[in-house]
Amino acid sequence: MIQMDVKYLDGIPEFFKYYCKYRLLRYQITARDVRIRILFYFYTYKEGGYYFSEYLSSLNTQNVYLCRHN
């Protein structure tokens, strides 16, 4: 099972002026596999888990295979 959390970086006052000036990424997506405790960080301009799932799918094209064990 994977738990995901989305942090809105433009809502942090110390970050906001840099966000506006340099057009930085707006969201931080944190995903953790609760069984093996591995943690992934992603930064994106758009909110949502779609980018995380696309990243996991892209791993297969780079010979990194993910499988589910019960």
N, C-alpha and C. Protein backbone atom coordinates (compact mmCIF):
# COMPACT_ATOMS: atom_id res chain seq x y z
N MET A 1 0.84 -1.17 0.00
CA MET A 1 0.00 0.00 0.00
C MET A 1 0.89 1.24 0.00
N ILE A 2 0.49 2.23 -0.77
CA ILE A 2 1.26 3.47 -0.86
C ILE A 2 0.41 4.62 -0.33
N GLN A 3 0.98 5.37 0.61
CA GLN A 3 0.33 6.56 1.14
C GLN A 3 0.92 7.77 0.44
N MET A 4 0.05 8.69 0.03
CA MET A 4 0.52 9.89 -0.67
C MET A 4 0.03 11.13 0.06
N ASP A 5 0.87 12.15 -0.02
CA ASP A 5 0.55 13.44 0.57
C ASP A 5 1.00 14.53 -0.40
N VAL A 6 0.16 15.54 -0.58
CA VAL A 6 0.49 16.66 -1.46
C VAL A 6 0.67 17.91 -0.62
N LYS A 7 1.82 18.55 -0.77
CA LYS A 7 2.09 19.80 -0.06
C LYS A 7 2.06 20.94 -1.07
N TYR A 8 1.34 22.00 -0.74
CA TYR A 8 1.24 23.18 -1.59
C TYR A 8 2.38 24.12 -1.25
N LEU A 9 3.41 24.15 -2.06
CA LEU A 9 4.60 24.94 -1.75
C LEU A 9 4.35 26.44 -1.88
N ASP A 10 3.39 26.84 -2.72
CA ASP A 10 3.12 28.27 -2.85
C ASP A 10 2.37 28.84 -1.64
N GLY A 11 1.97 27.98 -0.73
CA GLY A 11 1.30 28.43 0.49
C GLY A 11 2.27 28.71 1.63
N ILE A 12 3.55 28.53 1.40
CA ILE A 12 4.58 28.79 2.41
C ILE A 12 5.09 30.20 2.20
N PRO A 13 4.87 31.10 3.16
CA PRO A 13 5.24 32.51 2.97
C PRO A 13 6.70 32.73 2.60
N GLU A 14 7.62 31.99 3.20
CA GLU A 14 9.04 32.16 2.91
C GLU A 14 9.38 31.71 1.49
N PHE A 15 8.60 30.84 0.93
CA PHE A 15 8.84 30.28 -0.40
C PHE A 15 8.16 31.09 -1.50
N PHE A 16 7.08 31.78 -1.16
CA PHE A 16 6.21 32.39 -2.16
C PHE A 16 6.93 33.39 -3.06
N LYS A 17 7.78 34.25 -2.51
CA LYS A 17 8.45 35.25 -3.35
C LYS A 17 9.39 34.58 -4.36
N TYR A 18 10.04 33.48 -3.97
CA TYR A 18 10.91 32.75 -4.89
C TYR A 18 10.08 31.99 -5.92
N TYR A 19 8.95 31.49 -5.48
CA TYR A 19 8.03 30.80 -6.39
C TYR A 19 7.61 31.75 -7.52
N CYS A 20 7.25 32.96 -7.18
CA CYS A 20 6.83 33.94 -8.18
C CYS A 20 7.99 34.39 -9.07
N LYS A 21 9.13 34.65 -8.46
CA LYS A 21 10.27 35.20 -9.20
C LYS A 21 10.87 34.19 -10.18
N TYR A 22 11.01 32.93 -9.75
CA TYR A 22 11.71 31.93 -10.55
C TYR A 22 10.78 30.87 -11.17
N ARG A 23 9.48 31.04 -10.99
CA ARG A 23 8.49 30.08 -11.52
C ARG A 23 8.83 28.65 -11.08
N LEU A 24 9.04 28.48 -9.79
CA LEU A 24 9.40 27.18 -9.24
C LEU A 24 8.20 26.23 -9.25
N LEU A 25 8.50 24.96 -9.04
CA LEU A 25 7.45 23.96 -8.98
C LEU A 25 6.53 24.24 -7.80
N ARG A 26 5.25 23.98 -7.98
CA ARG A 26 4.24 24.41 -7.03
C ARG A 26 3.88 23.37 -5.98
N TYR A 27 4.02 22.09 -6.30
CA TYR A 27 3.58 21.03 -5.40
C TYR A 27 4.70 20.05 -5.10
N GLN A 28 4.69 19.55 -3.88
CA GLN A 28 5.57 18.45 -3.50
C GLN A 28 4.67 17.26 -3.20
N ILE A 29 4.90 16.16 -3.89
CA ILE A 29 4.16 14.93 -3.64
C ILE A 29 5.09 13.97 -2.92
N THR A 30 4.66 13.50 -1.76
CA THR A 30 5.41 12.53 -1.00
C THR A 30 4.64 11.22 -1.03
N ALA A 31 5.31 10.15 -1.39
CA ALA A 31 4.66 8.84 -1.44
C ALA A 31 5.53 7.84 -0.67
N ARG A 32 4.89 7.05 0.19
CA ARG A 32 5.62 6.08 1.00
C ARG A 32 4.97 4.71 0.85
N ASP A 33 5.81 3.71 0.58
CA ASP A 33 5.34 2.33 0.62
C ASP A 33 5.36 1.92 2.08
N VAL A 34 4.19 1.66 2.64
CA VAL A 34 4.11 1.42 4.08
C VAL A 34 4.72 0.09 4.49
N ARG A 35 4.79 -0.86 3.59
CA ARG A 35 5.33 -2.17 3.95
C ARG A 35 6.85 -2.14 4.04
N ILE A 36 7.52 -1.59 3.03
CA ILE A 36 8.99 -1.60 3.05
C ILE A 36 9.58 -0.25 3.45
N ARG A 37 8.70 0.73 3.70
CA ARG A 37 9.09 2.04 4.24
C ARG A 37 9.96 2.85 3.30
N ILE A 38 9.86 2.64 1.99
CA ILE A 38 10.62 3.45 1.04
C ILE A 38 9.84 4.75 0.78
N LEU A 39 10.56 5.83 0.62
CA LEU A 39 9.95 7.15 0.48
C LEU A 39 10.35 7.78 -0.84
N PHE A 40 9.36 8.33 -1.55
CA PHE A 40 9.59 9.02 -2.82
C PHE A 40 9.16 10.47 -2.68
N TYR A 41 9.94 11.39 -3.23
CA TYR A 41 9.57 12.80 -3.30
C TYR A 41 9.47 13.20 -4.77
N PHE A 42 8.42 13.92 -5.11
CA PHE A 42 8.23 14.42 -6.46
C PHE A 42 7.83 15.88 -6.38
N TYR A 43 8.29 16.66 -7.31
CA TYR A 43 7.92 18.07 -7.39
C TYR A 43 7.30 18.29 -8.76
N THR A 44 6.19 19.03 -8.80
CA THR A 44 5.46 19.19 -10.05
C THR A 44 4.74 20.54 -10.08
N TYR A 45 4.36 20.95 -11.27
CA TYR A 45 3.57 22.16 -11.44
C TYR A 45 2.08 21.90 -11.23
N LYS A 46 1.66 20.64 -11.33
CA LYS A 46 0.23 20.31 -11.22
C LYS A 46 0.01 19.35 -10.07
N GLU A 47 -1.12 19.49 -9.43
CA GLU A 47 -1.46 18.66 -8.28
C GLU A 47 -1.98 17.31 -8.74
N GLY A 48 -1.74 16.29 -7.94
CA GLY A 48 -2.36 14.99 -8.19
C GLY A 48 -1.39 13.84 -8.22
N GLY A 49 -1.93 12.66 -7.99
CA GLY A 49 -1.14 11.45 -7.99
C GLY A 49 -0.84 10.91 -9.37
N TYR A 50 -1.42 11.53 -10.40
CA TYR A 50 -1.20 11.07 -11.77
C TYR A 50 0.29 11.05 -12.10
N TYR A 51 1.03 12.05 -11.68
CA TYR A 51 2.44 12.14 -12.00
C TYR A 51 3.24 11.05 -11.30
N PHE A 52 2.83 10.73 -10.10
CA PHE A 52 3.49 9.64 -9.37
C PHE A 52 3.27 8.31 -10.07
N SER A 53 2.05 8.04 -10.48
CA SER A 53 1.76 6.78 -11.15
C SER A 53 2.47 6.72 -12.51
N GLU A 54 2.56 7.86 -13.20
CA GLU A 54 3.31 7.90 -14.46
C GLU A 54 4.79 7.61 -14.22
N TYR A 55 5.33 8.11 -13.13
CA TYR A 55 6.74 7.86 -12.80
C TYR A 55 6.96 6.37 -12.56
N LEU A 56 6.09 5.75 -11.78
CA LEU A 56 6.24 4.33 -11.53
C LEU A 56 6.14 3.53 -12.82
N SER A 57 5.26 3.94 -13.71
CA SER A 57 5.13 3.26 -15.00
C SER A 57 6.39 3.43 -15.83
N SER A 58 7.01 4.60 -15.75
CA SER A 58 8.22 4.85 -16.54
C SER A 58 9.40 4.02 -16.05
N LEU A 59 9.36 3.57 -14.81
CA LEU A 59 10.46 2.74 -14.31
C LEU A 59 10.58 1.44 -15.10
N ASN A 60 9.45 0.90 -15.54
CA ASN A 60 9.48 -0.34 -16.32
C ASN A 60 10.25 -0.17 -17.61
N THR A 61 10.21 1.01 -18.21
CA THR A 61 10.93 1.24 -19.46
C THR A 61 12.44 1.36 -19.23
N GLN A 62 12.82 1.52 -17.97
CA GLN A 62 14.24 1.62 -17.62
C GLN A 62 14.75 0.36 -16.93
N ASN A 63 14.03 -0.75 -17.15
CA ASN A 63 14.39 -2.05 -16.59
C ASN A 63 14.35 -2.10 -15.07
N VAL A 64 13.49 -1.32 -14.48
CA VAL A 64 13.21 -1.40 -13.05
C VAL A 64 11.79 -1.92 -12.95
N TYR A 65 11.64 -3.12 -12.42
CA TYR A 65 10.32 -3.75 -12.41
C TYR A 65 9.76 -3.78 -11.00
N LEU A 66 8.54 -3.35 -10.89
CA LEU A 66 7.85 -3.34 -9.61
C LEU A 66 6.80 -4.45 -9.63
N CYS A 67 6.75 -5.20 -8.58
CA CYS A 67 5.73 -6.25 -8.50
C CYS A 67 5.14 -6.26 -7.10
N ARG A 68 3.96 -6.79 -7.01
CA ARG A 68 3.24 -6.83 -5.74
C ARG A 68 3.30 -8.25 -5.20
N HIS A 69 3.75 -8.38 -3.96
CA HIS A 69 3.78 -9.67 -3.30
C HIS A 69 2.76 -9.65 -2.18
N ASN A 70 1.97 -10.70 -2.08
CA ASN A 70 0.97 -10.78 -0.99
C ASN A 70 1.53 -11.48 0.21
